[in-house]
Amino acid sequence: MVNLESLQKYSLFGGLLPEDIERVRCFLAISSFEAGAPIQTEGKPNDSIYFILEGRVEVSKRHSFLVELREGDTFGEMEFLDVMPSAATVKAAVPTRVARISNVSFHDIYKMDVKVFAIMVMNLARDLSRHLRRMDEIMVTLREAASLRAGADTADPSAPEDLIPEEKE
């Protein structure tokens, strides 16, 4: 079983009283994975949100590395909410222990205490909003870099007049 202090560091449990977290703890399933073992696979069903208790995982999409997550991070939020196949593959980078809450268990939390459920849903929405903001910044940075590269390929830096658009007659 996961201790109370471990769960308090995850944003999903933010704003919950210790006794609320204690009641939610029984809905968590604990799993361990050896290095290299898949935890979730792109395109396959996944109905859970995962909390990394120990270890590290590597997230990839279409066989391209995206990010490494470590103790204190979560993954699986998108599939947890939209009940679609996994958007990415997550593999244990080292021996890793995770806790997870399934959709079914989350519904049981709703039946147990609507207030606790509502706080957790708001926390989940905030986390996804942070992820979207981070992705927006990455997209803008990539577009700006691509635009600068495209401009560098076509413009002659020694000719400032190239930077002034021609007037139409």
C-alpha atoms as a PDB file:
ATOM      1  CA  MET A   1       0.000   0.000   0.000  1.00  0.00           C
ATOM      2  CA  VAL A   2       1.173   3.545  -0.740  1.00  0.00           C
ATOM      3  CA  ASN A   3       1.723   5.838   2.223  1.00  0.00           C
ATOM      4  CA  LEU A   4      -0.147   9.108   2.647  1.00  0.00           C
ATOM      5  CA  GLU A   5       2.957  11.306   2.309  1.00  0.00           C
ATOM      6  CA  SER A   6       3.776   9.743  -1.074  1.00  0.00           C
ATOM      7  CA  LEU A   7       0.350  10.563  -2.474  1.00  0.00           C
ATOM      8  CA  GLN A   8       0.348  14.154  -1.227  1.00  0.00           C
ATOM      9  CA  LYS A   9       3.118  15.083  -3.688  1.00  0.00           C
ATOM     10  CA  TYR A  10       0.923  14.263  -6.719  1.00  0.00           C
ATOM     11  CA  SER A  11      -1.137  17.143  -8.047  1.00  0.00           C
ATOM     12  CA  LEU A  12      -4.209  14.933  -8.510  1.00  0.00           C
ATOM     13  CA  PHE A  13      -4.541  14.847  -4.717  1.00  0.00           C
ATOM     14  CA  GLY A  14      -3.933  18.589  -4.197  1.00  0.00           C
ATOM     15  CA  GLY A  15      -6.474  20.285  -1.958  1.00  0.00           C
ATOM     16  CA  LEU A  16      -7.625  17.013  -0.414  1.00  0.00           C
ATOM     17  CA  LEU A  17      -7.485  16.582   3.331  1.00  0.00           C
ATOM     18  CA  PRO A  18      -5.263  13.780   4.648  1.00  0.00           C
ATOM     19  CA  GLU A  19      -8.359  11.795   5.661  1.00  0.00           C
ATOM     20  CA  ASP A  20      -9.758  12.148   2.110  1.00  0.00           C
ATOM     21  CA  ILE A  21      -6.511  10.838   0.611  1.00  0.00           C
ATOM     22  CA  GLU A  22      -6.588   7.999   3.111  1.00  0.00           C
ATOM     23  CA  ARG A  23     -10.077   6.995   1.898  1.00  0.00           C
ATOM     24  CA  VAL A  24      -8.969   7.176  -1.762  1.00  0.00           C
ATOM     25  CA  ARG A  25      -5.884   5.043  -1.157  1.00  0.00           C
ATOM     26  CA  CYS A  26      -7.843   1.773  -1.311  1.00  0.00           C
ATOM     27  CA  PHE A  27      -8.746   2.527  -4.957  1.00  0.00           C
ATOM     28  CA  LEU A  28      -5.103   2.429  -6.055  1.00  0.00           C
ATOM     29  CA  ALA A  29      -3.568  -0.649  -7.654  1.00  0.00           C
ATOM     30  CA  ILE A  30       0.212  -1.072  -7.303  1.00  0.00           C
ATOM     31  CA  SER A  31       2.348  -2.664 -10.053  1.00  0.00           C
ATOM     32  CA  SER A  32       6.068  -3.198 -10.570  1.00  0.00           C
ATOM     33  CA  PHE A  33       7.871  -3.335 -13.924  1.00  0.00           C
ATOM     34  CA  GLU A  34      11.366  -4.461 -14.858  1.00  0.00           C
ATOM     35  CA  ALA A  35      13.564  -2.183 -16.995  1.00  0.00           C
ATOM     36  CA  GLY A  36      12.338  -2.221 -20.595  1.00  0.00           C
ATOM     37  CA  ALA A  37       8.885  -3.549 -19.760  1.00  0.00           C
ATOM     38  CA  PRO A  38       5.950  -1.712 -21.365  1.00  0.00           C
ATOM     39  CA  ILE A  39       3.467  -0.126 -18.973  1.00  0.00           C
ATOM     40  CA  GLN A  40       1.187   1.183 -21.677  1.00  0.00           C
ATOM     41  CA  THR A  41       1.477   0.718 -25.434  1.00  0.00           C
ATOM     42  CA  GLU A  42       0.577   3.234 -28.122  1.00  0.00           C
ATOM     43  CA  GLY A  43      -2.680   2.285 -29.828  1.00  0.00           C
ATOM     44  CA  LYS A  44      -3.704  -0.196 -27.117  1.00  0.00           C
ATOM     45  CA  PRO A  45      -6.544   0.336 -24.619  1.00  0.00           C
ATOM     46  CA  ASN A  46      -5.721   2.116 -21.388  1.00  0.00           C
ATOM     47  CA  ASP A  47      -8.261   3.238 -18.816  1.00  0.00           C
ATOM     48  CA  SER A  48      -5.948   4.353 -16.020  1.00  0.00           C
ATOM     49  CA  ILE A  49      -3.891   7.236 -14.747  1.00  0.00           C
ATOM     50  CA  TYR A  50      -0.481   6.178 -13.382  1.00  0.00           C
ATOM     51  CA  PHE A  51       1.643   7.642 -10.580  1.00  0.00           C
ATOM     52  CA  ILE A  52       5.355   6.849 -10.610  1.00  0.00           C
ATOM     53  CA  LEU A  53       6.256   5.830  -7.064  1.00  0.00           C
ATOM     54  CA  GLU A  54       9.817   4.660  -7.772  1.00  0.00           C
ATOM     55  CA  GLY A  55      11.958   4.572 -10.889  1.00  0.00           C
ATOM     56  CA  ARG A  56      11.775   6.236 -14.295  1.00  0.00           C
ATOM     57  CA  VAL A  57       9.830   5.696 -17.500  1.00  0.00           C
ATOM     58  CA  GLU A  58      10.452   6.649 -21.122  1.00  0.00           C
ATOM     59  CA  VAL A  59       7.571   7.957 -23.211  1.00  0.00           C
ATOM     60  CA  SER A  60       7.686   7.531 -26.992  1.00  0.00           C
ATOM     61  CA  LYS A  61       5.318   8.067 -29.885  1.00  0.00           C
ATOM     62  CA  ARG A  62       5.736   6.335 -33.252  1.00  0.00           C
ATOM     63  CA  HIS A  63       9.062   5.000 -31.935  1.00  0.00           C
ATOM     64  CA  SER A  64      10.365   8.546 -31.285  1.00  0.00           C
ATOM     65  CA  PHE A  65      11.468   9.381 -27.755  1.00  0.00           C
ATOM     66  CA  LEU A  66       9.396  12.194 -26.230  1.00  0.00           C
ATOM     67  CA  VAL A  67      10.280  12.525 -22.557  1.00  0.00           C
ATOM     68  CA  GLU A  68      11.518  10.753 -19.462  1.00  0.00           C
ATOM     69  CA  LEU A  69       9.298  10.849 -16.382  1.00  0.00           C
ATOM     70  CA  ARG A  70      10.395  10.072 -12.841  1.00  0.00           C
ATOM     71  CA  GLU A  71       9.113   9.594  -9.328  1.00  0.00           C
ATOM     72  CA  GLY A  72       6.358  12.113  -8.614  1.00  0.00           C
ATOM     73  CA  ASP A  73       5.202  12.313 -12.263  1.00  0.00           C
ATOM     74  CA  THR A  74       1.982  10.948 -13.721  1.00  0.00           C
ATOM     75  CA  PHE A  75       0.953   9.659 -17.131  1.00  0.00           C
ATOM     76  CA  GLY A  76      -2.136   8.236 -18.827  1.00  0.00           C
ATOM     77  CA  GLU A  77      -4.312  11.279 -18.149  1.00  0.00           C
ATOM     78  CA  MET A  78      -5.573  11.611 -21.738  1.00  0.00           C
ATOM     79  CA  GLU A  79      -6.731   8.018 -22.061  1.00  0.00           C
ATOM     80  CA  PHE A  80      -8.164   8.139 -18.558  1.00  0.00           C
ATOM     81  CA  LEU A  81     -10.491  10.954 -19.619  1.00  0.00           C
ATOM     82  CA  ASP A  82     -11.266  10.325 -23.276  1.00  0.00           C
ATOM     83  CA  VAL A  83     -11.306   6.498 -23.171  1.00  0.00           C
ATOM     84  CA  MET A  84      -9.304   6.286 -26.394  1.00  0.00           C
ATOM     85  CA  PRO A  85      -6.324   4.028 -27.104  1.00  0.00           C
ATOM     86  CA  SER A  86      -2.984   5.051 -25.621  1.00  0.00           C
ATOM     87  CA  ALA A  87      -1.467   8.068 -27.352  1.00  0.00           C
ATOM     88  CA  ALA A  88       2.076   6.928 -26.547  1.00  0.00           C
ATOM     89  CA  THR A  89       4.131   3.993 -25.357  1.00  0.00           C
ATOM     90  CA  VAL A  90       5.473   4.154 -21.821  1.00  0.00           C
ATOM     91  CA  LYS A  91       8.261   1.743 -20.817  1.00  0.00           C
ATOM     92  CA  ALA A  92      10.107   1.363 -17.551  1.00  0.00           C
ATOM     93  CA  ALA A  93      13.624   2.787 -18.011  1.00  0.00           C
ATOM     94  CA  VAL A  94      14.761   1.106 -14.782  1.00  0.00           C
ATOM     95  CA  PRO A  95      12.888  -1.138 -12.344  1.00  0.00           C
ATOM     96  CA  THR A  96       9.791   0.962 -11.679  1.00  0.00           C
ATOM     97  CA  ARG A  97       6.853   0.847  -9.289  1.00  0.00           C
ATOM     98  CA  VAL A  98       3.610   2.642 -10.149  1.00  0.00           C
ATOM     99  CA  ALA A  99       0.199   3.159  -8.613  1.00  0.00           C
ATOM    100  CA  ARG A 100      -2.820   3.535 -10.835  1.00  0.00           C
ATOM    101  CA  ILE A 101      -6.456   4.498 -10.645  1.00  0.00           C
ATOM    102  CA  SER A 102      -8.762   3.033 -13.290  1.00  0.00           C
ATOM    103  CA  ASN A 103     -11.908   4.663 -14.656  1.00  0.00           C
ATOM    104  CA  VAL A 104     -13.970   2.110 -12.749  1.00  0.00           C
ATOM    105  CA  SER A 105     -12.207   3.000  -9.483  1.00  0.00           C
ATOM    106  CA  PHE A 106     -12.613   6.707 -10.213  1.00  0.00           C
ATOM    107  CA  HIS A 107     -16.351   6.137 -10.604  1.00  0.00           C
ATOM    108  CA  ASP A 108     -16.299   4.367  -7.243  1.00  0.00           C
ATOM    109  CA  ILE A 109     -14.657   7.463  -5.729  1.00  0.00           C
ATOM    110  CA  TYR A 110     -17.531   9.505  -7.192  1.00  0.00           C
ATOM    111  CA  LYS A 111     -20.046   7.196  -5.489  1.00  0.00           C
ATOM    112  CA  MET A 112     -18.091   7.372  -2.222  1.00  0.00           C
ATOM    113  CA  ASP A 113     -17.687  11.174  -2.050  1.00  0.00           C
ATOM    114  CA  VAL A 114     -18.737  13.626  -4.769  1.00  0.00           C
ATOM    115  CA  LYS A 115     -16.714  16.469  -3.229  1.00  0.00           C
ATOM    116  CA  VAL A 116     -13.470  14.473  -3.296  1.00  0.00           C
ATOM    117  CA  PHE A 117     -14.256  13.373  -6.864  1.00  0.00           C
ATOM    118  CA  ALA A 118     -14.875  17.004  -7.943  1.00  0.00           C
ATOM    119  CA  ILE A 119     -11.577  18.189  -6.459  1.00  0.00           C
ATOM    120  CA  MET A 120      -9.714  15.375  -8.227  1.00  0.00           C
ATOM    121  CA  VAL A 121     -11.404  16.201 -11.561  1.00  0.00           C
ATOM    122  CA  MET A 122     -10.439  19.877 -11.200  1.00  0.00           C
ATOM    123  CA  ASN A 123      -6.851  18.863 -10.407  1.00  0.00           C
ATOM    124  CA  LEU A 124      -6.794  16.632 -13.464  1.00  0.00           C
ATOM    125  CA  ALA A 125      -8.144  19.467 -15.627  1.00  0.00           C
ATOM    126  CA  ARG A 126      -5.424  21.795 -14.285  1.00  0.00           C
ATOM    127  CA  ASP A 127      -2.723  19.231 -15.073  1.00  0.00           C
ATOM    128  CA  LEU A 128      -3.990  18.806 -18.627  1.00  0.00           C
ATOM    129  CA  SER A 129      -4.162  22.578 -19.035  1.00  0.00           C
ATOM    130  CA  ARG A 130      -0.500  22.830 -17.959  1.00  0.00           C
ATOM    131  CA  HIS A 131       0.416  20.133 -20.487  1.00  0.00           C
ATOM    132  CA  LEU A 132      -1.437  22.008 -23.243  1.00  0.00           C
ATOM    133  CA  ARG A 133       0.294  25.279 -22.359  1.00  0.00           C
ATOM    134  CA  ARG A 134       3.665  23.525 -22.476  1.00  0.00           C
ATOM    135  CA  MET A 135       2.814  21.986 -25.873  1.00  0.00           C
ATOM    136  CA  ASP A 136       1.697  25.403 -27.177  1.00  0.00           C
ATOM    137  CA  GLU A 137       5.075  26.849 -26.186  1.00  0.00           C
ATOM    138  CA  ILE A 138       6.916  23.986 -27.848  1.00  0.00           C
ATOM    139  CA  MET A 139       4.880  24.406 -31.057  1.00  0.00           C
ATOM    140  CA  VAL A 140       5.524  28.160 -31.184  1.00  0.00           C
ATOM    141  CA  THR A 141       9.244  27.639 -30.551  1.00  0.00           C
ATOM    142  CA  LEU A 142       9.438  25.024 -33.309  1.00  0.00           C
ATOM    143  CA  ARG A 143       7.549  27.243 -35.766  1.00  0.00           C
ATOM    144  CA  GLU A 144       9.750  30.232 -34.977  1.00  0.00           C
ATOM    145  CA  ALA A 145      12.886  28.114 -35.452  1.00  0.00           C
ATOM    146  CA  ALA A 146      11.557  26.727 -38.749  1.00  0.00           C
ATOM    147  CA  SER A 147      10.676  30.219 -39.922  1.00  0.00           C
ATOM    148  CA  LEU A 148      14.157  31.508 -39.067  1.00  0.00           C
ATOM    149  CA  ARG A 149      15.760  28.559 -40.886  1.00  0.00           C
ATOM    150  CA  ALA A 150      13.567  29.121 -43.948  1.00  0.00           C
ATOM    151  CA  GLY A 151      14.438  32.808 -43.938  1.00  0.00           C
ATOM    152  CA  ALA A 152      18.144  32.054 -43.581  1.00  0.00           C
ATOM    153  CA  ASP A 153      17.982  29.724 -46.567  1.00  0.00           C
ATOM    154  CA  THR A 154      16.485  32.329 -48.916  1.00  0.00           C
ATOM    155  CA  ALA A 155      17.755  35.695 -47.744  1.00  0.00           C
ATOM    156  CA  ASP A 156      21.231  37.092 -48.302  1.00  0.00           C
ATOM    157  CA  PRO A 157      22.302  38.524 -44.931  1.00  0.00           C
ATOM    158  CA  SER A 158      24.657  40.964 -46.665  1.00  0.00           C
ATOM    159  CA  ALA A 159      21.757  42.564 -48.565  1.00  0.00           C
ATOM    160  CA  PRO A 160      19.486  44.426 -46.126  1.00  0.00           C
ATOM    161  CA  GLU A 161      17.158  45.394 -48.964  1.00  0.00           C
ATOM    162  CA  ASP A 162      16.011  41.752 -49.064  1.00  0.00           C
ATOM    163  CA  LEU A 163      14.265  42.434 -45.775  1.00  0.00           C
ATOM    164  CA  ILE A 164      12.161  45.245 -47.233  1.00  0.00           C
ATOM    165  CA  PRO A 165       9.122  44.061 -49.188  1.00  0.00           C
ATOM    166  CA  GLU A 166       8.802  45.294 -52.742  1.00  0.00           C
ATOM    167  CA  GLU A 167       6.115  47.864 -53.420  1.00  0.00           C
ATOM    168  CA  LYS A 168       3.319  46.854 -55.772  1.00  0.00           C
ATOM    169  CA  GLU A 169       2.460  49.209 -58.612  1.00  0.00           C
END
